[in-house]
Amino acid sequence: MRLSECASLIRSKNAGPFALTFDVMFSSAPAYERVKRTGALTAERFAEIYAVPVGDVEAFECDQALALKFSIPRPRVQGDFGDGDMHGGQQYAPLLEIEVPA
């Protein structure tokens, strides 16, 4: 099963001009716990996907909200020459295809 099939919301957005934040939210505790238990989305996996050092990934498990949250430095400062996504809203796409083991 892909992450996009078990999460109810996957999004990215600016966390200021120098960082991006990603939210992966679930509508049920079993789906949330499954992703946590399998390790399909960890700081290490996130660093690999976004080609950043694992030390630059801030990862949070928000059990009460049934959400996983990650923050990384923006590859370019918001609005700088070559920034193709001013608001960071398109950066979540690589997360959609992550396989979540049974």
C-alpha atoms as a PDB file:
ATOM      1  CA  MET A   1       0.000   0.000   0.000  1.00  0.00           C
ATOM      2  CA  ARG A   2       1.252   3.488  -0.800  1.00  0.00           C
ATOM      3  CA  LEU A   3       1.400   6.274   1.769  1.00  0.00           C
ATOM      4  CA  SER A   4      -1.133   8.252  -0.285  1.00  0.00           C
ATOM      5  CA  GLU A   5      -3.621   5.416   0.207  1.00  0.00           C
ATOM      6  CA  CYS A   6      -3.420   5.311   4.002  1.00  0.00           C
ATOM      7  CA  ALA A   7      -2.919   9.002   4.850  1.00  0.00           C
ATOM      8  CA  SER A   8      -5.861  11.380   4.756  1.00  0.00           C
ATOM      9  CA  LEU A   9      -3.681  14.439   4.022  1.00  0.00           C
ATOM     10  CA  ILE A  10      -0.119  14.865   2.791  1.00  0.00           C
ATOM     11  CA  ARG A  11       1.030  18.453   2.369  1.00  0.00           C
ATOM     12  CA  SER A  12       4.043  20.724   2.325  1.00  0.00           C
ATOM     13  CA  LYS A  13       4.381  24.430   2.973  1.00  0.00           C
ATOM     14  CA  ASN A  14       6.822  27.126   3.968  1.00  0.00           C
ATOM     15  CA  ALA A  15       8.010  27.325   7.512  1.00  0.00           C
ATOM     16  CA  GLY A  16       9.514  30.749   6.909  1.00  0.00           C
ATOM     17  CA  PRO A  17      11.780  31.708   4.010  1.00  0.00           C
ATOM     18  CA  PHE A  18      14.478  29.180   4.912  1.00  0.00           C
ATOM     19  CA  ALA A  19      12.560  25.983   5.747  1.00  0.00           C
ATOM     20  CA  LEU A  20       9.885  23.649   4.435  1.00  0.00           C
ATOM     21  CA  THR A  21       7.514  21.670   6.608  1.00  0.00           C
ATOM     22  CA  PHE A  22       5.639  18.506   5.664  1.00  0.00           C
ATOM     23  CA  ASP A  23       2.547  17.086   7.342  1.00  0.00           C
ATOM     24  CA  VAL A  24       1.295  13.522   6.937  1.00  0.00           C
ATOM     25  CA  MET A  25      -2.063  13.154   8.662  1.00  0.00           C
ATOM     26  CA  PHE A  26      -4.249  10.113   9.192  1.00  0.00           C
ATOM     27  CA  SER A  27      -7.958   9.736   9.832  1.00  0.00           C
ATOM     28  CA  SER A  28      -7.578   6.586  11.922  1.00  0.00           C
ATOM     29  CA  ALA A  29      -5.249   5.453  14.674  1.00  0.00           C
ATOM     30  CA  PRO A  30      -4.634   2.051  13.012  1.00  0.00           C
ATOM     31  CA  ALA A  31      -3.381   3.691   9.798  1.00  0.00           C
ATOM     32  CA  TYR A  32      -1.156   6.089  11.755  1.00  0.00           C
ATOM     33  CA  GLU A  33       0.250   3.311  13.940  1.00  0.00           C
ATOM     34  CA  ARG A  34       0.888   1.111  10.898  1.00  0.00           C
ATOM     35  CA  VAL A  35       3.058   3.744   9.223  1.00  0.00           C
ATOM     36  CA  LYS A  36       4.926   4.387  12.481  1.00  0.00           C
ATOM     37  CA  ARG A  37       5.381   0.669  13.188  1.00  0.00           C
ATOM     38  CA  THR A  38       6.719  -0.198   9.734  1.00  0.00           C
ATOM     39  CA  GLY A  39       9.206   2.671   9.670  1.00  0.00           C
ATOM     40  CA  ALA A  40       8.093   3.572   6.149  1.00  0.00           C
ATOM     41  CA  LEU A  41       8.571   7.262   6.890  1.00  0.00           C
ATOM     42  CA  THR A  42      11.437   8.115   9.226  1.00  0.00           C
ATOM     43  CA  ALA A  43      13.917  10.972   9.393  1.00  0.00           C
ATOM     44  CA  GLU A  44      16.438   8.764   7.578  1.00  0.00           C
ATOM     45  CA  ARG A  45      14.005   7.918   4.784  1.00  0.00           C
ATOM     46  CA  PHE A  46      12.971  11.565   4.521  1.00  0.00           C
ATOM     47  CA  ALA A  47      16.618  12.646   4.220  1.00  0.00           C
ATOM     48  CA  GLU A  48      17.129  10.108   1.451  1.00  0.00           C
ATOM     49  CA  ILE A  49      14.062  11.252  -0.502  1.00  0.00           C
ATOM     50  CA  TYR A  50      14.912  14.944  -0.286  1.00  0.00           C
ATOM     51  CA  ALA A  51      18.707  14.548  -0.545  1.00  0.00           C
ATOM     52  CA  VAL A  52      19.485  16.370   2.682  1.00  0.00           C
ATOM     53  CA  PRO A  53      21.716  15.280   5.573  1.00  0.00           C
ATOM     54  CA  VAL A  54      19.707  13.354   8.160  1.00  0.00           C
ATOM     55  CA  GLY A  55      20.895  15.872  10.753  1.00  0.00           C
ATOM     56  CA  ASP A  56      18.959  18.570   8.873  1.00  0.00           C
ATOM     57  CA  VAL A  57      15.652  16.687   9.193  1.00  0.00           C
ATOM     58  CA  GLU A  58      13.440  17.540  12.142  1.00  0.00           C
ATOM     59  CA  ALA A  59      10.910  14.740  12.667  1.00  0.00           C
ATOM     60  CA  PHE A  60       7.925  14.766  15.000  1.00  0.00           C
ATOM     61  CA  GLU A  61       5.372  12.101  15.865  1.00  0.00           C
ATOM     62  CA  CYS A  62       2.170  13.821  16.952  1.00  0.00           C
ATOM     63  CA  ASP A  63       0.220  10.928  18.464  1.00  0.00           C
ATOM     64  CA  GLN A  64      -2.764  12.974  19.630  1.00  0.00           C
ATOM     65  CA  ALA A  65      -3.185  14.487  16.156  1.00  0.00           C
ATOM     66  CA  LEU A  66      -2.461  11.201  14.307  1.00  0.00           C
ATOM     67  CA  ALA A  67       0.197  13.044  12.315  1.00  0.00           C
ATOM     68  CA  LEU A  68       3.831  12.869  11.330  1.00  0.00           C
ATOM     69  CA  LYS A  69       5.620  16.157  10.736  1.00  0.00           C
ATOM     70  CA  PHE A  70       8.987  16.833   9.119  1.00  0.00           C
ATOM     71  CA  SER A  71      10.933  20.042   8.517  1.00  0.00           C
ATOM     72  CA  ILE A  72      13.971  20.561   6.302  1.00  0.00           C
ATOM     73  CA  PRO A  73      15.929  23.559   5.042  1.00  0.00           C
ATOM     74  CA  ARG A  74      14.639  24.934   1.740  1.00  0.00           C
ATOM     75  CA  PRO A  75      16.970  24.103  -1.169  1.00  0.00           C
ATOM     76  CA  ARG A  76      16.792  27.808  -2.093  1.00  0.00           C
ATOM     77  CA  VAL A  77      15.693  30.763  -0.021  1.00  0.00           C
ATOM     78  CA  GLN A  78      12.047  31.573  -0.721  1.00  0.00           C
ATOM     79  CA  GLY A  79      11.801  33.855  -3.741  1.00  0.00           C
ATOM     80  CA  ASP A  80      15.479  33.542  -4.649  1.00  0.00           C
ATOM     81  CA  PHE A  81      16.405  33.132  -8.317  1.00  0.00           C
ATOM     82  CA  GLY A  82      15.551  29.565  -9.328  1.00  0.00           C
ATOM     83  CA  ASP A  83      12.939  29.006  -6.617  1.00  0.00           C
ATOM     84  CA  GLY A  84      10.238  27.151  -8.510  1.00  0.00           C
ATOM     85  CA  ASP A  85       7.800  26.878  -5.604  1.00  0.00           C
ATOM     86  CA  MET A  86       7.442  30.135  -3.658  1.00  0.00           C
ATOM     87  CA  HIS A  87       5.035  28.674  -1.111  1.00  0.00           C
ATOM     88  CA  GLY A  88       6.522  25.194  -0.810  1.00  0.00           C
ATOM     89  CA  GLY A  89       3.128  23.674  -1.591  1.00  0.00           C
ATOM     90  CA  GLN A  90       4.341  21.276  -4.292  1.00  0.00           C
ATOM     91  CA  GLN A  91       7.213  19.632  -2.445  1.00  0.00           C
ATOM     92  CA  TYR A  92       5.166  16.793  -0.920  1.00  0.00           C
ATOM     93  CA  ALA A  93       4.788  14.843  -4.197  1.00  0.00           C
ATOM     94  CA  PRO A  94       7.651  12.343  -3.620  1.00  0.00           C
ATOM     95  CA  LEU A  95       5.925  11.207  -0.407  1.00  0.00           C
ATOM     96  CA  LEU A  96       2.832   9.982  -2.238  1.00  0.00           C
ATOM     97  CA  GLU A  97       4.520   6.882  -3.662  1.00  0.00           C
ATOM     98  CA  ILE A  98       6.227   5.638  -0.493  1.00  0.00           C
ATOM     99  CA  GLU A  99       5.412   1.980   0.013  1.00  0.00           C
ATOM    100  CA  VAL A 100       4.038   1.062   3.431  1.00  0.00           C
ATOM    101  CA  PRO A 101       4.703  -2.618   4.202  1.00  0.00           C
ATOM    102  CA  ALA A 102       1.831  -4.789   5.403  1.00  0.00           C
END
